[in-house]
Amino acid sequence: MSDLQARFEQAQADSKQLTTRPDNSTLLKIYSLFKQASAGDVQGSRPGMTDFVNRAKWDAWAELKGKSSDEAKQAYIDLIESLKK
């Protein structure tokens, strides 16, 4: 396992131990970076207008289209580290 992958997995564990819950905007960023790092570019069709939560998640993930898995992993790690302080 690469060092980046190990740090990504540690950041995932750390995200569950944050002392304060991040705001919704930050939660969307965490979600989208995780999805981009683990699944690549957004897949499937955009959820409908009445599905507010899943539509916001899909849109946040779609904004990262083209970002490599390694770039997304590093951004995820950096974001979780900044939230731990």
N, C-alpha and C. Protein backbone atom coordinates (compact mmCIF):
# COMPACT_ATOMS: atom_id res chain seq x y z
N MET A 1 0.84 -1.18 0.00
CA MET A 1 0.00 0.00 0.00
C MET A 1 0.88 1.24 0.00
N SER A 2 0.51 2.20 -0.81
CA SER A 2 1.30 3.42 -0.90
C SER A 2 1.11 4.27 0.36
N ASP A 3 2.07 5.15 0.57
CA ASP A 3 1.99 6.06 1.71
C ASP A 3 0.76 6.95 1.59
N LEU A 4 0.46 7.42 0.38
CA LEU A 4 -0.70 8.27 0.17
C LEU A 4 -1.98 7.51 0.53
N GLN A 5 -2.09 6.27 0.10
CA GLN A 5 -3.27 5.47 0.41
C GLN A 5 -3.41 5.26 1.91
N ALA A 6 -2.30 5.01 2.59
CA ALA A 6 -2.34 4.81 4.04
C ALA A 6 -2.79 6.09 4.75
N ARG A 7 -2.29 7.24 4.29
CA ARG A 7 -2.68 8.51 4.89
C ARG A 7 -4.15 8.83 4.59
N PHE A 8 -4.62 8.45 3.40
CA PHE A 8 -6.03 8.63 3.02
C PHE A 8 -6.93 7.80 3.94
N GLU A 9 -6.55 6.57 4.17
CA GLU A 9 -7.34 5.71 5.05
C GLU A 9 -7.32 6.23 6.49
N GLN A 10 -6.19 6.76 6.93
CA GLN A 10 -6.11 7.34 8.27
C GLN A 10 -7.01 8.58 8.36
N ALA A 11 -7.02 9.38 7.30
CA ALA A 11 -7.88 10.57 7.29
C ALA A 11 -9.36 10.18 7.34
N GLN A 12 -9.71 9.07 6.69
CA GLN A 12 -11.09 8.58 6.76
C GLN A 12 -11.45 8.24 8.21
N ALA A 13 -10.56 7.56 8.89
CA ALA A 13 -10.79 7.21 10.29
C ALA A 13 -10.85 8.47 11.15
N ASP A 14 -9.95 9.40 10.89
CA ASP A 14 -9.92 10.66 11.64
C ASP A 14 -11.21 11.46 11.44
N SER A 15 -11.79 11.40 10.26
CA SER A 15 -12.99 12.17 9.96
C SER A 15 -14.16 11.76 10.85
N LYS A 16 -14.14 10.52 11.30
CA LYS A 16 -15.20 10.03 12.17
C LYS A 16 -14.99 10.43 13.63
N GLN A 17 -13.80 10.97 13.94
CA GLN A 17 -13.46 11.34 15.30
C GLN A 17 -13.36 12.84 15.52
N LEU A 18 -13.82 13.63 14.56
CA LEU A 18 -13.74 15.08 14.70
C LEU A 18 -14.56 15.53 15.92
N THR A 19 -14.02 16.48 16.66
CA THR A 19 -14.69 16.92 17.89
C THR A 19 -15.92 17.78 17.60
N THR A 20 -15.90 18.52 16.49
CA THR A 20 -17.06 19.32 16.12
C THR A 20 -17.51 18.92 14.71
N ARG A 21 -18.82 18.94 14.51
CA ARG A 21 -19.37 18.57 13.21
C ARG A 21 -19.13 19.72 12.23
N PRO A 22 -18.54 19.41 11.07
CA PRO A 22 -18.31 20.46 10.07
C PRO A 22 -19.65 21.01 9.54
N ASP A 23 -19.60 22.23 9.00
CA ASP A 23 -20.81 22.79 8.41
C ASP A 23 -21.16 22.04 7.12
N ASN A 24 -22.35 22.27 6.60
CA ASN A 24 -22.82 21.52 5.44
C ASN A 24 -21.94 21.69 4.22
N SER A 25 -21.42 22.89 4.00
CA SER A 25 -20.54 23.13 2.87
C SER A 25 -19.27 22.28 2.97
N THR A 26 -18.71 22.20 4.17
CA THR A 26 -17.51 21.40 4.38
C THR A 26 -17.83 19.91 4.25
N LEU A 27 -18.98 19.50 4.75
CA LEU A 27 -19.38 18.09 4.61
C LEU A 27 -19.51 17.70 3.14
N LEU A 28 -20.04 18.61 2.32
CA LEU A 28 -20.13 18.33 0.88
C LEU A 28 -18.74 18.21 0.27
N LYS A 29 -17.82 19.05 0.70
CA LYS A 29 -16.45 18.99 0.19
C LYS A 29 -15.79 17.66 0.58
N ILE A 30 -15.99 17.24 1.82
CA ILE A 30 -15.44 15.96 2.29
C ILE A 30 -16.01 14.82 1.43
N TYR A 31 -17.34 14.84 1.26
CA TYR A 31 -18.01 13.80 0.47
C TYR A 31 -17.47 13.76 -0.97
N SER A 32 -17.41 14.94 -1.60
CA SER A 32 -17.02 14.97 -3.01
C SER A 32 -15.56 14.55 -3.20
N LEU A 33 -14.69 14.97 -2.31
CA LEU A 33 -13.28 14.56 -2.42
C LEU A 33 -13.14 13.06 -2.21
N PHE A 34 -13.88 12.50 -1.24
CA PHE A 34 -13.84 11.07 -1.01
C PHE A 34 -14.31 10.30 -2.25
N LYS A 35 -15.45 10.74 -2.83
CA LYS A 35 -15.98 10.05 -4.01
C LYS A 35 -15.02 10.16 -5.19
N GLN A 36 -14.43 11.33 -5.40
CA GLN A 36 -13.49 11.51 -6.51
C GLN A 36 -12.26 10.63 -6.31
N ALA A 37 -11.78 10.55 -5.07
CA ALA A 37 -10.59 9.76 -4.77
C ALA A 37 -10.86 8.27 -4.92
N SER A 38 -12.04 7.83 -4.55
CA SER A 38 -12.32 6.39 -4.54
C SER A 38 -13.03 5.87 -5.78
N ALA A 39 -13.81 6.73 -6.47
CA ALA A 39 -14.59 6.26 -7.61
C ALA A 39 -14.28 6.99 -8.92
N GLY A 40 -13.51 8.06 -8.86
CA GLY A 40 -13.22 8.81 -10.08
C GLY A 40 -14.30 9.82 -10.38
N ASP A 41 -14.40 10.21 -11.65
CA ASP A 41 -15.37 11.23 -12.05
C ASP A 41 -16.80 10.79 -11.76
N VAL A 42 -17.66 11.79 -11.55
CA VAL A 42 -19.06 11.56 -11.20
C VAL A 42 -19.72 10.62 -12.21
N GLN A 43 -20.60 9.78 -11.69
CA GLN A 43 -21.28 8.79 -12.52
C GLN A 43 -22.78 8.91 -12.32
N GLY A 44 -23.54 8.41 -13.28
CA GLY A 44 -24.98 8.44 -13.18
C GLY A 44 -25.55 9.78 -13.56
N SER A 45 -26.86 9.83 -13.57
CA SER A 45 -27.51 11.09 -13.93
C SER A 45 -27.77 11.94 -12.70
N ARG A 46 -27.89 13.22 -12.94
CA ARG A 46 -28.10 14.19 -11.86
C ARG A 46 -29.48 13.97 -11.24
N PRO A 47 -29.55 13.87 -9.91
CA PRO A 47 -30.85 13.69 -9.25
C PRO A 47 -31.80 14.86 -9.54
N GLY A 48 -33.08 14.59 -9.43
CA GLY A 48 -34.11 15.59 -9.74
C GLY A 48 -34.14 16.76 -8.76
N MET A 49 -34.90 17.77 -9.15
CA MET A 49 -34.99 19.01 -8.38
C MET A 49 -35.48 18.81 -6.94
N THR A 50 -36.32 17.82 -6.71
CA THR A 50 -36.88 17.63 -5.37
C THR A 50 -35.98 16.81 -4.46
N ASP A 51 -34.94 16.23 -5.01
CA ASP A 51 -33.99 15.44 -4.20
C ASP A 51 -32.81 16.34 -3.84
N PHE A 52 -33.06 17.29 -2.93
CA PHE A 52 -32.09 18.34 -2.62
C PHE A 52 -30.74 17.81 -2.15
N VAL A 53 -30.74 16.87 -1.24
CA VAL A 53 -29.50 16.37 -0.64
C VAL A 53 -28.65 15.66 -1.69
N ASN A 54 -29.23 14.69 -2.39
CA ASN A 54 -28.45 13.95 -3.37
C ASN A 54 -28.04 14.80 -4.56
N ARG A 55 -28.86 15.78 -4.89
CA ARG A 55 -28.50 16.70 -5.98
C ARG A 55 -27.29 17.55 -5.58
N ALA A 56 -27.27 18.02 -4.33
CA ALA A 56 -26.13 18.81 -3.85
C ALA A 56 -24.87 17.96 -3.82
N LYS A 57 -24.99 16.72 -3.39
CA LYS A 57 -23.84 15.81 -3.37
C LYS A 57 -23.32 15.58 -4.78
N TRP A 58 -24.24 15.31 -5.72
CA TRP A 58 -23.85 15.04 -7.11
C TRP A 58 -23.16 16.26 -7.70
N ASP A 59 -23.71 17.45 -7.45
CA ASP A 59 -23.13 18.68 -7.99
C ASP A 59 -21.73 18.93 -7.42
N ALA A 60 -21.56 18.69 -6.12
CA ALA A 60 -20.24 18.89 -5.50
C ALA A 60 -19.22 17.93 -6.09
N TRP A 61 -19.63 16.69 -6.33
CA TRP A 61 -18.74 15.70 -6.91
C TRP A 61 -18.43 16.06 -8.36
N ALA A 62 -19.43 16.52 -9.10
CA ALA A 62 -19.24 16.87 -10.51
C ALA A 62 -18.24 18.02 -10.68
N GLU A 63 -18.16 18.90 -9.68
CA GLU A 63 -17.21 20.02 -9.75
C GLU A 63 -15.76 19.55 -9.76
N LEU A 64 -15.52 18.34 -9.31
CA LEU A 64 -14.15 17.81 -9.25
C LEU A 64 -13.78 16.98 -10.48
N LYS A 65 -14.65 16.96 -11.47
CA LYS A 65 -14.40 16.16 -12.67
C LYS A 65 -13.03 16.48 -13.25
N GLY A 66 -12.26 15.44 -13.53
CA GLY A 66 -10.93 15.60 -14.11
C GLY A 66 -9.81 15.58 -13.08
N LYS A 67 -10.15 15.76 -11.81
CA LYS A 67 -9.12 15.71 -10.76
C LYS A 67 -8.71 14.25 -10.57
N SER A 68 -7.40 14.01 -10.51
CA SER A 68 -6.92 12.63 -10.37
C SER A 68 -7.24 12.09 -8.99
N SER A 69 -7.22 10.79 -8.89
CA SER A 69 -7.47 10.13 -7.60
C SER A 69 -6.46 10.58 -6.56
N ASP A 70 -5.19 10.65 -6.94
CA ASP A 70 -4.15 11.06 -6.00
C ASP A 70 -4.33 12.51 -5.54
N GLU A 71 -4.72 13.39 -6.47
CA GLU A 71 -4.96 14.80 -6.11
C GLU A 71 -6.13 14.89 -5.12
N ALA A 72 -7.18 14.12 -5.39
CA ALA A 72 -8.36 14.14 -4.52
C ALA A 72 -8.01 13.56 -3.14
N LYS A 73 -7.22 12.51 -3.12
CA LYS A 73 -6.81 11.93 -1.83
C LYS A 73 -6.03 12.95 -1.01
N GLN A 74 -5.09 13.65 -1.65
CA GLN A 74 -4.28 14.61 -0.93
C GLN A 74 -5.14 15.77 -0.43
N ALA A 75 -6.07 16.23 -1.25
CA ALA A 75 -6.96 17.32 -0.84
C ALA A 75 -7.84 16.87 0.33
N TYR A 76 -8.30 15.63 0.29
CA TYR A 76 -9.11 15.07 1.38
C TYR A 76 -8.30 15.04 2.67
N ILE A 77 -7.08 14.53 2.58
CA ILE A 77 -6.19 14.45 3.75
C ILE A 77 -5.97 15.85 4.32
N ASP A 78 -5.65 16.81 3.45
CA ASP A 78 -5.40 18.18 3.90
C ASP A 78 -6.63 18.78 4.58
N LEU A 79 -7.81 18.54 4.02
CA LEU A 79 -9.03 19.08 4.59
C LEU A 79 -9.30 18.48 5.96
N ILE A 80 -9.18 17.18 6.10
CA ILE A 80 -9.43 16.53 7.40
C ILE A 80 -8.41 17.03 8.41
N GLU A 81 -7.15 17.16 8.01
CA GLU A 81 -6.13 17.66 8.94
C GLU A 81 -6.48 19.07 9.42
N SER A 82 -6.97 19.92 8.52
CA SER A 82 -7.31 21.29 8.90
C SER A 82 -8.49 21.31 9.87
N LEU A 83 -9.36 20.33 9.80
CA LEU A 83 -10.52 20.27 10.69
C LEU A 83 -10.18 19.72 12.07
N LYS A 84 -9.06 19.03 12.18
CA LYS A 84 -8.64 18.46 13.45
C LYS A 84 -8.08 19.51 14.40
N LYS A 85 -7.71 20.66 13.88
CA LYS A 85 -7.04 21.70 14.70
C LYS A 85 -8.02 22.52 15.48
